[in-house]
Amino acid sequence: MSTAPRLTALDALHRSLGATMTDFAGWDMPLRYASERDEHNAVRTRAGLFDLSHMGEITVTGPEAAAFLSYALVGNIATVGNGRARYTMIVQEDGGIVDDLIVYRLGETEYMVVANAGNAQIVLDALTGRVGGFDAEVRDDRDAYALLAVQGPESPAIMKAVTDADLDGLKYYAGLPGTVAGVPALIARTGYTGEDGFELFVAPEHAEQLWRALTEAGAPHGLIPCGLSCRDTLRLEAGMPLYGHELTTALTPFDAGLGRVVKFEKEGDFVGREALRAAAERAESAPPRKLVGLIAEGRRVPRAGFPVVADGKVIGEVTSGAPSPTLGKPIAMAYVDAAFAAPGTEGVGVDIRGTHEPYEVVALPFYKRQK
């Protein structure tokens, strides 16, 4: 028996704005409001407003919270400063990626782990199963937060109109408590678009008030509401991995080219250490496949699962693909055999329904904002 999708605190507002809704990880979420391309370009050139309340917030508290998270995750959480955030991962004992995460340090002994919507319960269960023996508590706070994001070059100006928090002093991957449009919020300088921006964690009952205030403050700056569809093309252009596409339990962080998040030098053991050590050695000596960018020479769009080919043989697989509004061409991320991974490698194509379409191999990301 199928269960009804979960609704965010902004569900009625999205429908009043004419959003096209879609089921995403068990949530009814706005896919787009009007034009995906217009929403994408607004974030690249002005600003976009997103409802990301489907993300999973898990709070970890206690005297040994940092030691526990350093054991449960691949990163060294003990070195995260108060008010800072860190990108990390949780893996299985065999090193396979369970999810990629952001961990915020909220206080001396308090952390918030933010998981992807589709993996939130899995991450919660894994953390709960690993906390034994540590003086720490794992708490499911998914219902305690709504999450709004303002992304794009105009986002600092928009935020300054609704908060007196020290945004100039707020670094990338940092967060601070503050008041935004009269609403208590955790203001984080994080995002998934490749642009400057802010993510605002607030109580669900304050979400609509905040959305309306941001919409009003953003109007002179060209801010528009944005859905999940443009969020996907924005992160793809920025070369950011998506769980279930570039990251899976069949891959270790080293397979995904993200071995830098694994901190072997930290104190104590951590889940997956031995398997990840072996994966690191394999990646250094003879990596089987590497994640690359592909830019189409033609107009046909590659999709996840399409074979990457060269010399009549399959040499890899597309993990994500879409038309790129910024580049004006179809683009893709793909895992390809190491011998074909160098930028500029000739003779590489994508098998799109039986036709081998030519593609240029490029280094990721496709797009990087000017600082």
Protein backbone atom coordinates (compact mmCIF):
# COMPACT_ATOMS: atom_id res chain seq x y z
CA MET A 1 0.00 0.00 0.00
CA SER A 2 1.49 3.31 -1.08
CA THR A 3 1.67 6.15 1.43
CA ALA A 4 0.74 9.73 0.64
CA PRO A 5 3.73 11.99 -0.02
CA ARG A 6 4.86 14.28 2.78
CA LEU A 7 4.12 17.99 2.42
CA THR A 8 6.41 20.85 3.38
CA ALA A 9 5.11 23.82 5.36
CA LEU A 10 5.07 25.77 2.07
CA ASP A 11 2.95 23.32 0.09
CA ALA A 12 -0.14 25.54 -0.21
CA LEU A 13 2.01 28.52 -1.15
CA HIS A 14 3.74 26.57 -3.94
CA ARG A 15 0.37 25.56 -5.38
CA SER A 16 -0.89 29.15 -5.20
CA LEU A 17 2.16 30.13 -7.28
CA GLY A 18 1.21 27.58 -9.94
CA ALA A 19 4.11 25.22 -9.26
CA THR A 20 4.31 21.90 -11.06
CA MET A 21 4.66 19.44 -8.18
CA THR A 22 6.47 16.10 -8.21
CA ASP A 23 7.05 13.22 -5.81
CA PHE A 24 10.69 13.37 -4.72
CA ALA A 25 11.98 10.96 -2.07
CA GLY A 26 8.50 10.65 -0.63
CA TRP A 27 7.86 14.41 -0.56
CA ASP A 28 5.59 16.49 -2.79
CA MET A 29 8.02 19.14 -4.05
CA PRO A 30 7.92 21.97 -6.62
CA LEU A 31 9.61 20.85 -9.83
CA ARG A 32 9.24 24.22 -11.54
CA TYR A 33 7.03 27.31 -11.36
CA ALA A 34 7.26 28.42 -14.99
CA SER A 35 10.35 28.00 -17.17
CA GLU A 36 13.21 25.79 -15.93
CA ARG A 37 15.62 27.78 -18.09
CA ASP A 38 14.44 31.10 -16.66
CA GLU A 39 14.77 29.77 -13.11
CA HIS A 40 18.27 28.44 -13.84
CA ASN A 41 19.39 31.71 -15.41
CA ALA A 42 17.93 33.73 -12.54
CA VAL A 43 20.18 31.88 -10.08
CA ARG A 44 23.23 32.35 -12.31
CA THR A 45 22.65 36.08 -12.89
CA ARG A 46 20.37 37.35 -10.09
CA ALA A 47 18.82 35.10 -7.41
CA GLY A 48 16.46 32.20 -6.84
CA LEU A 49 14.41 31.11 -3.83
CA PHE A 50 14.12 27.39 -3.05
CA ASP A 51 12.12 25.27 -0.60
CA LEU A 52 14.46 22.49 0.53
CA SER A 53 12.44 21.33 3.52
CA HIS A 54 12.67 17.73 2.34
CA MET A 55 16.30 17.51 3.51
CA GLY A 56 16.92 15.47 6.66
CA GLU A 57 18.20 17.17 9.82
CA ILE A 58 19.68 14.97 12.56
CA THR A 59 20.98 16.53 15.78
CA VAL A 60 23.86 14.96 17.71
CA THR A 61 24.56 16.21 21.22
CA GLY A 62 26.65 15.22 24.21
CA PRO A 63 30.20 15.39 25.61
CA GLU A 64 31.43 12.85 23.04
CA ALA A 65 29.40 14.11 20.07
CA ALA A 66 32.51 15.09 18.10
CA ALA A 67 34.33 11.83 18.84
CA PHE A 68 31.22 9.85 17.88
CA LEU A 69 30.77 11.68 14.57
CA SER A 70 34.46 11.25 13.74
CA TYR A 71 33.96 7.50 14.29
CA ALA A 72 30.67 7.27 12.38
CA LEU A 73 31.70 9.46 9.40
CA VAL A 74 34.82 9.64 7.23
CA GLY A 75 35.70 13.24 8.15
CA ASN A 76 37.49 14.64 11.19
CA ILE A 77 34.56 16.32 12.92
CA ALA A 78 36.69 17.15 15.98
CA THR A 79 38.41 19.90 13.94
CA VAL A 80 35.17 21.64 12.88
CA GLY A 81 35.11 25.03 14.59
CA ASN A 82 32.07 26.42 16.37
CA GLY A 83 29.77 27.95 13.78
CA ARG A 84 31.44 26.16 10.87
CA ALA A 85 30.23 23.40 8.55
CA ARG A 86 31.94 20.51 6.78
CA TYR A 87 31.13 18.38 3.75
CA THR A 88 31.65 14.71 4.55
CA MET A 89 30.28 11.22 3.95
CA ILE A 90 28.96 8.21 5.80
CA VAL A 91 30.05 4.83 4.41
CA GLN A 92 29.43 1.14 4.97
CA GLU A 93 32.10 -1.12 6.48
CA ASP A 94 33.12 -2.00 2.90
CA GLY A 95 33.63 1.70 2.10
CA GLY A 96 30.52 2.06 -0.08
CA ILE A 97 28.95 5.51 0.16
CA VAL A 98 25.71 5.58 2.17
CA ASP A 99 25.26 9.34 1.71
CA ASP A 100 27.11 12.62 1.44
CA LEU A 101 26.37 15.04 4.26
CA ILE A 102 26.95 18.49 5.66
CA VAL A 103 27.74 18.65 9.38
CA TYR A 104 27.19 21.97 11.16
CA ARG A 105 28.70 22.62 14.57
CA LEU A 106 26.02 24.53 16.45
CA GLY A 107 27.68 24.67 19.87
CA GLU A 108 30.37 23.21 22.08
CA THR A 109 28.71 19.78 22.17
CA GLU A 110 25.96 20.12 19.54
CA TYR A 111 26.05 19.24 15.84
CA MET A 112 23.50 19.08 13.05
CA VAL A 113 23.92 16.47 10.33
CA VAL A 114 22.02 17.24 7.12
CA ALA A 115 21.32 14.22 4.92
CA ASN A 116 19.77 13.91 1.48
CA ALA A 117 15.99 13.47 1.55
CA GLY A 118 16.01 9.94 0.14
CA ASN A 119 18.65 8.78 2.61
CA ALA A 120 17.59 10.60 5.78
CA GLN A 121 16.09 7.53 7.47
CA ILE A 122 19.02 5.33 6.40
CA VAL A 123 21.51 7.85 7.81
CA LEU A 124 19.49 8.22 11.01
CA ASP A 125 19.41 4.44 11.46
CA ALA A 126 23.15 4.15 10.77
CA LEU A 127 24.05 6.88 13.26
CA THR A 128 21.72 5.40 15.88
CA GLY A 129 23.32 2.01 15.34
CA ARG A 130 26.85 3.41 15.72
CA VAL A 131 26.39 5.62 18.80
CA GLY A 132 26.65 2.80 21.34
CA GLY A 133 29.64 3.29 23.66
CA PHE A 134 29.74 7.06 23.16
CA ASP A 135 28.35 9.66 25.57
CA ALA A 136 26.24 11.19 22.82
CA GLU A 137 22.62 11.28 21.69
CA VAL A 138 21.23 11.08 18.16
CA ARG A 139 17.92 12.90 17.63
CA ASP A 140 15.64 12.93 14.58
CA ASP A 141 14.91 16.63 13.98
CA ARG A 142 13.41 16.34 10.49
CA ASP A 143 10.07 17.75 11.67
CA ALA A 144 11.73 20.58 13.62
CA TYR A 145 12.97 22.48 10.56
CA ALA A 146 11.86 24.01 7.30
CA LEU A 147 14.74 24.89 4.99
CA LEU A 148 14.73 27.79 2.53
CA ALA A 149 17.61 28.74 0.26
CA VAL A 150 18.46 32.03 -1.44
CA GLN A 151 21.03 31.40 -4.15
CA GLY A 152 22.72 33.65 -6.70
CA PRO A 153 24.94 36.72 -6.97
CA GLU A 154 22.22 39.03 -5.61
CA SER A 155 21.61 36.84 -2.54
CA PRO A 156 23.84 38.87 -0.14
CA ALA A 157 22.03 42.12 -1.03
CA ILE A 158 18.64 40.45 -0.57
CA MET A 159 19.60 38.96 2.77
CA LYS A 160 21.01 42.26 4.06
CA ALA A 161 17.58 43.80 3.51
CA VAL A 162 15.97 41.35 5.96
CA THR A 163 18.65 40.67 8.60
CA ASP A 164 21.21 42.55 10.64
CA ALA A 165 23.33 39.42 11.07
CA ASP A 166 27.01 39.81 10.11
CA LEU A 167 26.77 38.38 6.60
CA ASP A 168 30.06 39.94 5.50
CA GLY A 169 31.81 37.98 8.25
CA LEU A 170 29.97 34.76 7.41
CA LYS A 171 32.38 32.59 5.42
CA TYR A 172 31.52 29.84 2.95
CA TYR A 173 30.60 26.68 4.87
CA ALA A 174 29.79 28.54 8.06
CA GLY A 175 26.57 29.22 9.92
CA LEU A 176 25.35 31.56 12.61
CA PRO A 177 22.12 31.99 14.55
CA GLY A 178 20.25 35.17 13.70
CA THR A 179 16.90 36.74 12.92
CA VAL A 180 15.74 36.98 9.32
CA ALA A 181 12.58 39.04 8.68
CA GLY A 182 11.70 38.66 12.35
CA VAL A 183 12.13 34.87 12.23
CA PRO A 184 14.77 33.04 14.32
CA ALA A 185 17.01 31.12 11.92
CA LEU A 186 20.27 29.30 11.48
CA ILE A 187 21.84 31.24 8.60
CA ALA A 188 24.29 29.06 6.67
CA ARG A 189 26.47 30.16 3.75
CA THR A 190 26.05 26.91 1.87
CA GLY A 191 24.28 25.77 -1.27
CA TYR A 192 24.14 23.34 -4.16
CA THR A 193 24.14 25.64 -7.18
CA GLY A 194 27.72 26.80 -7.69
CA GLU A 195 26.71 30.34 -6.69
CA ASP A 196 27.04 32.35 -3.51
CA GLY A 197 24.00 31.90 -1.33
CA PHE A 198 22.40 31.13 1.99
CA GLU A 199 20.41 28.28 3.47
CA LEU A 200 18.00 29.20 6.26
CA PHE A 201 16.90 26.62 8.82
CA VAL A 202 13.73 27.79 10.58
CA ALA A 203 10.76 26.36 12.47
CA PRO A 204 8.10 25.14 9.99
CA GLU A 205 5.50 27.56 11.36
CA HIS A 206 7.75 30.47 10.31
CA ALA A 207 8.47 29.23 6.77
CA GLU A 208 5.68 31.09 4.97
CA GLN A 209 6.40 34.40 6.72
CA LEU A 210 10.05 34.09 5.72
CA TRP A 211 9.29 33.07 2.12
CA ARG A 212 7.03 36.10 1.64
CA ALA A 213 9.57 38.48 3.19
CA LEU A 214 12.37 37.15 1.00
CA THR A 215 10.14 37.38 -2.08
CA GLU A 216 9.38 41.02 -1.30
CA ALA A 217 13.00 41.91 -0.50
CA GLY A 218 14.19 40.06 -3.59
CA ALA A 219 11.79 41.62 -6.10
CA PRO A 220 14.05 44.63 -6.90
CA HIS A 221 16.95 42.18 -7.39
CA GLY A 222 15.16 39.87 -9.83
CA LEU A 223 14.64 36.98 -7.38
CA ILE A 224 12.14 34.34 -8.49
CA PRO A 225 10.93 31.05 -6.95
CA CYS A 226 12.86 28.03 -8.24
CA GLY A 227 12.10 24.32 -8.28
CA LEU A 228 14.08 21.10 -8.14
CA SER A 229 14.51 20.88 -11.91
CA CYS A 230 16.79 23.92 -12.17
CA ARG A 231 18.52 22.91 -8.94
CA ASP A 232 19.62 19.78 -10.80
CA THR A 233 21.00 21.61 -13.85
CA LEU A 234 22.73 24.16 -11.59
CA ARG A 235 24.51 21.48 -9.54
CA LEU A 236 25.38 19.55 -12.71
CA GLU A 237 27.07 22.60 -14.26
CA ALA A 238 28.94 23.09 -10.98
CA GLY A 239 30.15 19.46 -11.06
CA MET A 240 28.46 18.63 -7.76
CA PRO A 241 27.62 14.95 -7.21
CA LEU A 242 24.07 13.71 -6.62
CA TYR A 243 23.41 10.66 -4.50
CA GLY A 244 22.06 7.79 -6.57
CA HIS A 245 23.88 9.10 -9.63
CA GLU A 246 27.55 9.97 -8.99
CA LEU A 247 27.48 8.47 -5.48
CA THR A 248 26.20 4.99 -4.57
CA THR A 249 26.94 2.16 -2.16
CA ALA A 250 28.82 0.47 -5.03
CA LEU A 251 31.40 3.29 -4.98
CA THR A 252 33.84 4.49 -2.34
CA PRO A 253 34.75 8.18 -1.97
CA PHE A 254 37.99 7.38 -3.82
CA ASP A 255 36.10 5.87 -6.75
CA ALA A 256 34.07 9.08 -6.92
CA GLY A 257 37.19 11.28 -6.96
CA LEU A 258 36.31 12.59 -3.50
CA GLY A 259 38.96 10.82 -1.46
CA ARG A 260 39.93 14.17 0.04
CA VAL A 261 36.96 13.94 2.43
CA VAL A 262 38.42 10.79 4.06
CA LYS A 263 40.70 11.73 6.96
CA PHE A 264 42.91 8.77 7.86
CA GLU A 265 45.01 10.97 10.16
CA LYS A 266 42.24 11.56 12.69
CA GLU A 267 42.41 9.99 16.12
CA GLY A 268 40.74 6.65 16.72
CA ASP A 269 39.10 4.16 14.43
CA PHE A 270 36.22 4.96 12.09
CA VAL A 271 33.71 2.89 10.17
CA GLY A 272 35.15 1.70 6.85
CA ARG A 273 38.77 2.65 7.60
CA GLU A 274 40.43 -0.56 6.33
CA ALA A 275 38.29 -0.82 3.21
CA LEU A 276 38.91 2.83 2.41
CA ARG A 277 42.66 2.44 2.89
CA ALA A 278 42.60 -0.34 0.27
CA ALA A 279 40.42 1.79 -2.01
CA ALA A 280 42.88 4.69 -1.70
CA GLU A 281 45.76 2.44 -2.74
CA ARG A 282 43.78 1.11 -5.72
CA ALA A 283 42.87 4.62 -6.82
CA GLU A 284 46.52 5.66 -6.69
CA SER A 285 47.92 2.70 -8.59
CA ALA A 286 45.27 1.83 -11.16
CA PRO A 287 41.93 3.62 -10.87
CA PRO A 288 39.33 1.59 -12.79
CA ARG A 289 37.21 4.55 -13.83
CA LYS A 290 37.22 8.29 -13.28
CA LEU A 291 34.43 10.83 -13.11
CA VAL A 292 34.66 13.29 -16.02
CA GLY A 293 32.63 15.94 -17.73
CA LEU A 294 31.25 15.49 -21.25
CA ILE A 295 30.09 18.29 -23.55
CA ALA A 296 28.01 17.42 -26.60
CA GLU A 297 29.04 18.45 -30.07
CA GLY A 298 25.43 18.02 -31.20
CA ARG A 299 22.05 18.71 -29.62
CA ARG A 300 21.00 15.30 -28.30
CA VAL A 301 20.82 15.06 -24.52
CA PRO A 302 22.47 12.16 -22.67
CA ARG A 303 20.72 10.67 -19.66
CA ALA A 304 21.81 8.63 -16.65
CA GLY A 305 22.65 5.07 -17.61
CA PHE A 306 23.54 5.77 -21.24
CA PRO A 307 26.78 4.00 -22.32
CA VAL A 308 29.92 6.02 -23.04
CA VAL A 309 31.75 4.54 -26.03
CA ALA A 310 35.06 4.74 -27.88
CA ASP A 311 36.47 2.58 -30.69
CA GLY A 312 33.20 0.65 -30.78
CA LYS A 313 33.49 -0.41 -27.14
CA VAL A 314 31.70 0.66 -23.97
CA ILE A 315 34.19 2.57 -21.81
CA GLY A 316 31.88 4.05 -19.21
CA GLU A 317 28.41 5.20 -18.22
CA VAL A 318 26.64 8.53 -17.92
CA THR A 319 25.59 9.32 -14.34
CA SER A 320 23.82 12.66 -14.96
CA GLY A 321 22.97 14.55 -18.13
CA ALA A 322 20.93 17.58 -19.14
CA PRO A 323 20.90 20.60 -21.43
CA SER A 324 23.15 23.29 -19.92
CA PRO A 325 21.48 26.72 -20.08
CA THR A 326 24.81 28.41 -19.27
CA LEU A 327 26.87 26.60 -21.92
CA GLY A 328 24.05 26.30 -24.44
CA LYS A 329 24.88 22.63 -25.05
CA PRO A 330 23.97 19.25 -23.54
CA ILE A 331 26.40 18.17 -20.81
CA ALA A 332 26.93 15.06 -18.72
CA MET A 333 28.96 13.60 -15.91
CA ALA A 334 30.17 10.06 -16.50
CA TYR A 335 32.48 7.43 -15.08
CA VAL A 336 34.88 6.37 -17.85
CA ASP A 337 37.87 4.05 -18.06
CA ALA A 338 40.98 5.87 -16.84
CA ALA A 339 42.61 5.62 -20.27
CA PHE A 340 39.88 7.89 -21.70
CA ALA A 341 39.57 10.33 -18.79
CA ALA A 342 42.09 13.00 -19.81
CA PRO A 343 40.49 16.26 -21.00
CA GLY A 344 40.55 16.45 -24.78
CA THR A 345 40.62 12.68 -25.32
CA GLU A 346 39.40 12.10 -28.86
CA GLY A 347 36.93 9.57 -30.19
CA VAL A 348 34.64 9.52 -27.15
CA GLY A 349 30.88 9.42 -27.64
CA VAL A 350 27.63 8.57 -25.91
CA ASP A 351 25.34 5.85 -27.21
CA ILE A 352 21.98 7.61 -27.42
CA ARG A 353 19.44 5.02 -28.49
CA GLY A 354 21.81 3.29 -30.89
CA THR A 355 23.55 6.37 -32.29
CA HIS A 356 27.05 7.23 -31.10
CA GLU A 357 26.95 10.98 -30.55
CA PRO A 358 30.38 12.68 -30.28
CA TYR A 359 31.30 14.30 -26.94
CA GLU A 360 34.27 16.30 -25.70
CA VAL A 361 35.89 15.07 -22.47
CA VAL A 362 36.48 17.99 -20.07
CA ALA A 363 37.57 18.50 -16.48
CA LEU A 364 34.88 19.23 -13.91
CA PRO A 365 33.24 21.57 -13.10
CA PHE A 366 31.67 22.87 -16.29
CA TYR A 367 30.98 26.20 -14.61
CA LYS A 368 32.76 28.14 -11.86
CA ARG A 369 31.52 31.51 -10.65
CA GLN A 370 33.78 34.53 -10.67
CA LYS A 371 34.72 35.38 -7.07
